[in-house]
N, C-alpha and C. Protein backbone atom coordinates (compact mmCIF):
# COMPACT_ATOMS: atom_id res chain seq x y z
N MET A 1 -15.66 -9.12 47.82
CA MET A 1 -16.43 -9.17 46.55
C MET A 1 -16.64 -7.90 45.86
N GLU A 2 -16.94 -6.84 46.47
CA GLU A 2 -17.02 -5.53 46.03
C GLU A 2 -15.54 -5.04 45.60
N PHE A 3 -14.32 -5.44 46.30
CA PHE A 3 -13.15 -5.07 45.93
C PHE A 3 -12.97 -5.68 44.42
N LEU A 4 -13.25 -6.88 44.21
CA LEU A 4 -13.00 -7.64 42.85
C LEU A 4 -13.77 -6.96 41.88
N ILE A 5 -15.04 -6.43 42.17
CA ILE A 5 -15.95 -5.72 41.04
C ILE A 5 -15.08 -4.35 40.67
N ILE A 6 -14.83 -3.83 41.81
CA ILE A 6 -14.01 -2.47 41.32
C ILE A 6 -12.75 -2.67 40.57
N ALA A 7 -11.85 -3.61 41.03
CA ALA A 7 -10.66 -4.02 40.34
C ALA A 7 -10.89 -4.33 38.87
N VAL A 8 -12.08 -5.25 38.57
CA VAL A 8 -12.38 -5.39 37.18
C VAL A 8 -12.66 -4.07 36.46
N VAL A 9 -13.48 -3.31 37.11
CA VAL A 9 -13.96 -2.08 36.43
C VAL A 9 -12.76 -1.11 36.21
N VAL A 10 -11.79 -1.19 37.09
CA VAL A 10 -10.74 -0.12 36.78
C VAL A 10 -9.88 -0.64 35.80
N LEU A 11 -9.67 -2.07 35.78
CA LEU A 11 -8.92 -2.69 34.66
C LEU A 11 -9.50 -2.61 33.33
N LEU A 12 -10.77 -2.64 33.40
CA LEU A 12 -11.43 -2.37 31.84
C LEU A 12 -11.35 -1.05 31.62
N ALA A 13 -11.51 0.00 32.41
CA ALA A 13 -11.50 1.36 32.08
C ALA A 13 -9.97 1.70 31.59
N VAL A 14 -9.14 1.24 32.29
CA VAL A 14 -7.52 1.45 31.85
C VAL A 14 -7.24 0.84 30.29
N GLY A 15 -7.81 -0.30 30.33
CA GLY A 15 -7.67 -0.87 28.93
C GLY A 15 -8.38 -0.05 27.80
N ILE A 16 -9.52 0.47 28.10
CA ILE A 16 -10.34 1.18 27.11
C ILE A 16 -9.66 2.41 26.70
N PHE A 17 -9.23 3.05 27.87
CA PHE A 17 -8.53 4.42 27.74
C PHE A 17 -7.29 4.16 26.86
N ARG A 18 -6.32 3.15 27.16
CA ARG A 18 -5.12 2.88 26.40
C ARG A 18 -5.60 2.58 24.88
N TYR A 19 -6.54 1.83 24.54
CA TYR A 19 -7.00 1.63 23.36
C TYR A 19 -7.35 2.97 22.48
N TYR A 20 -8.09 3.90 23.19
CA TYR A 20 -8.61 4.97 22.32
C TYR A 20 -7.47 5.98 22.32
N ARG A 21 -6.66 6.15 23.29
CA ARG A 21 -5.32 6.96 23.23
C ARG A 21 -4.45 6.43 22.22
N GLN A 22 -4.36 5.21 22.09
CA GLN A 22 -3.30 4.57 21.06
C GLN A 22 -3.85 4.74 19.72
N ARG A 23 -5.18 4.88 19.58
CA ARG A 23 -5.77 5.03 18.19
C ARG A 23 -5.40 6.54 17.68
N ASN A 24 -5.00 7.53 18.59
CA ASN A 24 -4.56 8.82 18.22
C ASN A 24 -3.28 8.88 17.37
N TYR A 25 -2.42 7.80 17.72
CA TYR A 25 -1.05 7.93 17.18
C TYR A 25 -0.76 6.74 16.41
N THR A 26 -1.38 5.71 16.51
CA THR A 26 -0.96 4.46 15.67
C THR A 26 -2.28 4.04 14.87
N LYS A 27 -1.90 3.95 13.60
CA LYS A 27 -2.96 3.36 12.64
C LYS A 27 -2.95 1.96 12.44
N VAL A 28 -3.89 1.12 12.95
CA VAL A 28 -3.90 -0.28 12.76
C VAL A 28 -4.42 -0.76 11.27
N LEU A 29 -3.62 -1.36 10.57
CA LEU A 29 -3.95 -1.72 9.16
C LEU A 29 -4.31 -3.02 8.96
N THR A 30 -5.23 -3.49 8.04
CA THR A 30 -5.40 -4.91 7.72
C THR A 30 -4.18 -5.18 6.74
N GLU A 31 -4.01 -6.40 6.43
CA GLU A 31 -2.95 -6.96 5.86
C GLU A 31 -2.76 -6.34 4.35
N ASP A 32 -3.89 -6.22 3.80
CA ASP A 32 -3.76 -5.44 2.31
C ASP A 32 -3.54 -4.01 2.51
N GLN A 33 -4.05 -3.20 3.50
CA GLN A 33 -3.51 -1.97 3.68
C GLN A 33 -2.12 -1.84 4.06
N PHE A 34 -1.59 -2.66 4.95
CA PHE A 34 -0.15 -3.00 5.18
C PHE A 34 0.78 -3.22 4.22
N ARG A 35 0.38 -4.05 3.43
CA ARG A 35 1.06 -4.49 2.20
C ARG A 35 1.22 -3.31 1.14
N GLU A 36 0.25 -2.28 1.17
CA GLU A 36 0.17 -1.26 0.11
C GLU A 36 1.20 -0.20 0.50
N GLY A 37 1.75 -0.10 1.70
CA GLY A 37 2.64 0.91 2.04
C GLY A 37 3.88 0.56 2.68
N TYR A 38 4.21 -0.72 3.17
CA TYR A 38 5.26 -1.10 3.94
C TYR A 38 6.64 -1.11 3.06
N ARG A 39 6.42 -1.13 1.84
CA ARG A 39 7.76 -1.14 1.05
C ARG A 39 8.33 0.27 0.95
N LYS A 40 7.55 1.30 1.22
CA LYS A 40 8.00 2.65 1.16
C LYS A 40 8.38 3.30 2.64
N ALA A 41 8.50 2.33 3.46
CA ALA A 41 8.43 2.78 4.97
C ALA A 41 9.52 1.86 5.51
N GLN A 42 9.94 2.03 6.88
CA GLN A 42 10.57 1.25 7.65
C GLN A 42 9.80 0.30 8.34
N LEU A 43 10.10 -0.98 7.74
CA LEU A 43 9.38 -2.06 8.22
C LEU A 43 10.19 -2.79 9.45
N ILE A 44 9.46 -2.86 10.47
CA ILE A 44 10.28 -3.45 11.78
C ILE A 44 9.53 -4.53 12.42
N ASP A 45 10.19 -5.55 12.65
CA ASP A 45 9.67 -6.80 13.23
C ASP A 45 10.10 -6.56 14.80
N VAL A 46 9.15 -6.50 15.76
CA VAL A 46 9.66 -6.12 17.06
C VAL A 46 9.71 -7.52 17.92
N ARG A 47 9.65 -8.53 17.35
CA ARG A 47 9.83 -9.87 18.01
C ARG A 47 11.27 -10.00 18.36
N GLU A 48 11.56 -11.13 19.25
CA GLU A 48 12.85 -11.54 19.63
C GLU A 48 13.47 -12.18 18.36
N PRO A 49 15.02 -12.09 18.40
CA PRO A 49 15.69 -12.58 17.29
C PRO A 49 15.30 -14.02 16.84
N GLN A 50 15.14 -15.00 17.83
CA GLN A 50 14.85 -16.35 17.49
C GLN A 50 13.56 -16.49 16.71
N GLU A 51 12.51 -15.48 17.24
CA GLU A 51 11.42 -15.61 16.37
C GLU A 51 11.50 -15.14 15.02
N PHE A 52 12.20 -13.91 14.97
CA PHE A 52 12.45 -13.42 13.56
C PHE A 52 13.12 -14.42 12.53
N ASP A 53 14.14 -15.08 13.22
CA ASP A 53 14.93 -16.06 12.54
C ASP A 53 14.07 -17.38 11.85
N ARG A 54 12.98 -17.65 12.73
CA ARG A 54 12.03 -18.72 12.29
C ARG A 54 11.19 -18.34 11.14
N GLY A 55 10.91 -16.94 10.91
CA GLY A 55 10.10 -16.48 9.86
C GLY A 55 9.76 -15.00 9.97
N HIS A 56 9.88 -14.22 8.97
CA HIS A 56 9.67 -12.76 9.08
C HIS A 56 9.13 -12.36 7.82
N ILE A 57 8.38 -11.22 7.83
CA ILE A 57 7.95 -10.51 6.41
C ILE A 57 9.16 -10.09 5.80
N LEU A 58 9.13 -10.51 4.28
CA LEU A 58 10.38 -10.15 3.49
C LEU A 58 10.61 -8.77 3.36
N GLY A 59 11.82 -8.38 3.82
CA GLY A 59 12.23 -6.92 3.83
C GLY A 59 12.25 -6.35 5.28
N ALA A 60 11.87 -6.99 6.26
CA ALA A 60 11.81 -6.41 7.69
C ALA A 60 13.05 -6.48 8.41
N ARG A 61 13.23 -5.57 9.08
CA ARG A 61 14.52 -5.48 10.12
C ARG A 61 13.87 -5.96 11.53
N ASN A 62 14.74 -6.41 12.18
CA ASN A 62 14.42 -7.11 13.52
C ASN A 62 14.91 -6.11 14.43
N ILE A 63 14.10 -5.32 15.17
CA ILE A 63 14.64 -4.37 16.39
C ILE A 63 13.56 -4.89 17.55
N PRO A 64 13.89 -5.81 18.35
CA PRO A 64 12.93 -6.17 19.29
C PRO A 64 12.51 -5.19 20.29
N VAL A 65 11.29 -5.15 20.70
CA VAL A 65 10.69 -4.13 21.59
C VAL A 65 11.63 -4.05 22.80
N SER A 66 12.32 -5.24 23.31
CA SER A 66 13.05 -4.96 24.55
C SER A 66 14.35 -4.50 24.25
N GLN A 67 14.81 -3.95 23.08
CA GLN A 67 15.94 -3.43 22.61
C GLN A 67 15.67 -2.01 22.05
N MET A 68 14.24 -1.55 21.99
CA MET A 68 14.06 -0.45 20.94
C MET A 68 14.50 0.94 21.73
N LYS A 69 14.53 1.02 22.88
CA LYS A 69 15.08 2.32 23.48
C LYS A 69 16.61 2.47 22.98
N GLN A 70 17.26 1.42 23.10
CA GLN A 70 18.65 1.66 22.83
C GLN A 70 18.94 1.63 21.29
N ARG A 71 18.09 1.14 20.48
CA ARG A 71 18.36 1.19 19.11
C ARG A 71 17.54 2.28 18.32
N LEU A 72 17.09 3.27 18.85
CA LEU A 72 16.25 4.32 18.08
C LEU A 72 16.96 5.10 17.06
N VAL A 73 18.40 5.00 17.17
CA VAL A 73 19.13 5.64 16.28
C VAL A 73 19.07 5.10 14.95
N GLU A 74 18.71 3.65 15.11
CA GLU A 74 18.59 2.85 13.67
C GLU A 74 17.29 3.32 12.95
N MET A 75 16.31 4.15 13.50
CA MET A 75 15.23 4.52 12.90
C MET A 75 15.07 5.96 12.58
N ARG A 76 14.37 6.38 11.24
CA ARG A 76 14.29 7.60 10.97
C ARG A 76 12.83 8.17 11.45
N LYS A 77 12.92 9.51 11.83
CA LYS A 77 11.45 10.10 12.32
C LYS A 77 10.96 10.71 11.19
N ASP A 78 11.57 10.70 10.02
CA ASP A 78 10.97 11.35 8.64
C ASP A 78 10.41 10.33 7.86
N LYS A 79 10.56 9.07 8.21
CA LYS A 79 9.82 7.91 7.28
C LYS A 79 8.84 7.17 8.25
N PRO A 80 7.62 6.79 7.50
CA PRO A 80 6.80 5.97 8.26
C PRO A 80 7.26 4.72 8.89
N VAL A 81 6.90 4.24 9.88
CA VAL A 81 7.22 3.20 10.63
C VAL A 81 6.05 1.91 10.65
N TYR A 82 6.27 0.98 10.00
CA TYR A 82 5.45 -0.09 9.94
C TYR A 82 5.95 -1.22 10.85
N LEU A 83 5.03 -1.59 11.97
CA LEU A 83 5.45 -2.49 12.91
C LEU A 83 4.48 -3.78 13.07
N TYR A 84 5.27 -4.81 13.40
CA TYR A 84 4.59 -5.92 13.63
C TYR A 84 5.25 -6.93 14.61
N CYS A 85 4.55 -7.64 15.33
CA CYS A 85 5.04 -8.70 16.26
C CYS A 85 4.27 -9.99 15.95
N GLN A 86 4.26 -11.01 16.84
CA GLN A 86 3.39 -12.30 16.73
C GLN A 86 1.93 -11.93 16.51
N GLY A 87 1.55 -11.26 17.61
CA GLY A 87 0.00 -11.12 17.62
C GLY A 87 -0.29 -9.48 17.31
N SER A 88 -0.24 -8.62 18.48
CA SER A 88 -0.13 -7.23 18.36
C SER A 88 0.30 -6.51 19.59
N SER A 89 0.34 -7.21 20.68
CA SER A 89 0.73 -6.56 21.95
C SER A 89 2.01 -5.86 22.05
N ARG A 90 3.17 -6.56 21.40
CA ARG A 90 4.53 -6.00 21.55
C ARG A 90 4.50 -4.71 20.70
N SER A 91 3.83 -4.90 19.53
CA SER A 91 3.94 -3.80 18.55
C SER A 91 3.21 -2.69 19.03
N ALA A 92 2.28 -2.86 19.85
CA ALA A 92 1.35 -1.71 20.36
C ALA A 92 2.33 -1.06 21.49
N ARG A 93 3.21 -1.92 22.20
CA ARG A 93 4.05 -1.21 23.18
C ARG A 93 5.11 -0.56 22.41
N ALA A 94 5.66 -0.94 21.14
CA ALA A 94 6.72 -0.44 20.47
C ALA A 94 6.14 0.93 19.99
N ALA A 95 4.88 1.08 19.51
CA ALA A 95 4.26 2.21 18.87
C ALA A 95 4.19 3.24 19.91
N GLN A 96 3.73 2.92 21.08
CA GLN A 96 3.76 3.80 22.30
C GLN A 96 5.04 4.39 22.64
N LEU A 97 6.16 3.61 22.56
CA LEU A 97 7.48 4.18 22.96
C LEU A 97 7.88 5.21 21.81
N LEU A 98 7.53 4.78 20.71
CA LEU A 98 8.00 5.51 19.42
C LEU A 98 7.20 6.90 19.43
N HIS A 99 5.94 6.77 19.69
CA HIS A 99 5.10 8.12 19.81
C HIS A 99 5.83 9.06 20.94
N LYS A 100 6.10 8.53 22.12
CA LYS A 100 6.77 9.32 23.23
C LYS A 100 8.13 9.80 22.78
N LYS A 101 8.82 9.09 21.70
CA LYS A 101 10.07 9.74 21.33
C LYS A 101 9.98 10.53 20.15
N GLY A 102 8.79 10.90 19.82
CA GLY A 102 8.64 11.95 18.72
C GLY A 102 8.33 11.40 17.34
N TYR A 103 8.08 10.25 17.23
CA TYR A 103 7.78 9.56 15.93
C TYR A 103 6.38 9.72 15.75
N LYS A 104 6.05 10.11 14.28
CA LYS A 104 4.53 10.50 14.09
C LYS A 104 3.80 9.66 13.26
N ASP A 105 4.51 9.13 12.35
CA ASP A 105 3.82 8.18 11.32
C ASP A 105 4.05 6.69 11.48
N ILE A 106 3.12 6.22 12.58
CA ILE A 106 3.34 4.80 13.00
C ILE A 106 2.08 3.94 12.50
N TYR A 107 2.46 2.85 12.01
CA TYR A 107 1.26 1.91 11.58
C TYR A 107 1.77 0.57 12.30
N GLN A 108 0.62 -0.09 12.54
CA GLN A 108 0.62 -1.51 13.15
C GLN A 108 -0.11 -2.63 12.21
N LEU A 109 0.46 -3.67 12.11
CA LEU A 109 -0.14 -4.88 11.34
C LEU A 109 -1.41 -5.54 12.23
N LYS A 110 -2.51 -5.39 11.66
CA LYS A 110 -3.58 -6.10 12.61
C LYS A 110 -3.47 -7.57 12.67
N GLY A 111 -3.51 -8.10 13.80
CA GLY A 111 -3.31 -9.51 13.94
C GLY A 111 -1.87 -10.08 14.01
N GLY A 112 -0.96 -9.13 13.68
CA GLY A 112 0.41 -9.45 13.53
C GLY A 112 0.90 -10.60 12.46
N PHE A 113 2.08 -11.18 12.93
CA PHE A 113 2.83 -12.11 11.83
C PHE A 113 1.89 -13.28 11.74
N LYS A 114 1.36 -13.82 12.75
CA LYS A 114 0.52 -15.08 12.87
C LYS A 114 -0.64 -15.19 11.59
N LYS A 115 -1.11 -13.87 11.42
CA LYS A 115 -2.17 -13.78 10.39
C LYS A 115 -1.61 -13.29 9.01
N TRP A 116 -0.31 -13.09 8.99
CA TRP A 116 0.20 -12.74 7.76
C TRP A 116 0.16 -13.82 6.68
N THR A 117 -0.23 -13.50 5.19
CA THR A 117 -0.25 -14.60 4.22
C THR A 117 0.70 -14.18 3.05
N GLY A 118 1.27 -13.12 3.17
CA GLY A 118 2.31 -12.60 2.26
C GLY A 118 3.58 -13.54 2.30
N LYS A 119 4.72 -13.04 1.40
CA LYS A 119 5.84 -13.57 1.53
C LYS A 119 6.55 -13.52 2.61
N ILE A 120 7.35 -14.44 3.04
CA ILE A 120 8.17 -14.53 4.24
C ILE A 120 9.47 -15.06 3.89
N LYS A 121 10.45 -14.80 4.80
CA LYS A 121 11.85 -15.44 4.87
C LYS A 121 12.17 -15.91 6.01
N SER A 122 12.88 -16.91 5.90
CA SER A 122 13.52 -17.54 7.32
C SER A 122 14.81 -18.03 7.15
N LYS A 123 15.67 -18.20 8.30
CA LYS A 123 16.90 -18.66 8.26
C LYS A 123 16.81 -20.08 8.47
N LYS A 124 17.36 -20.93 7.76
CA LYS A 124 17.37 -22.39 8.00
C LYS A 124 18.37 -22.89 8.86
């Protein structure tokens, strides 16, 4: 029982640490804030291609987080990067990777695509 309590406390501590560390390099934006700036930035959908094809924010490029390391050459370090996924976990991982690779201006859509109410495009 003590082990279980210690494990839960450690997991909570790690989660809280990651949350606050990520806030130093990623700005989480509401949909309205995201809408204000994404047209002047690199809008990246980090979901898998089949998810992207079912629907994505108009103007987004699909670079799945699973391929991001290999596709960094497609992204510029001198322009802001706006990220989103279905919820927010994959875009948080993508933001962490970009930060480690020297990207500075990183933004994430709060709630992800499932909360998006703006224009979308899908392949039929």
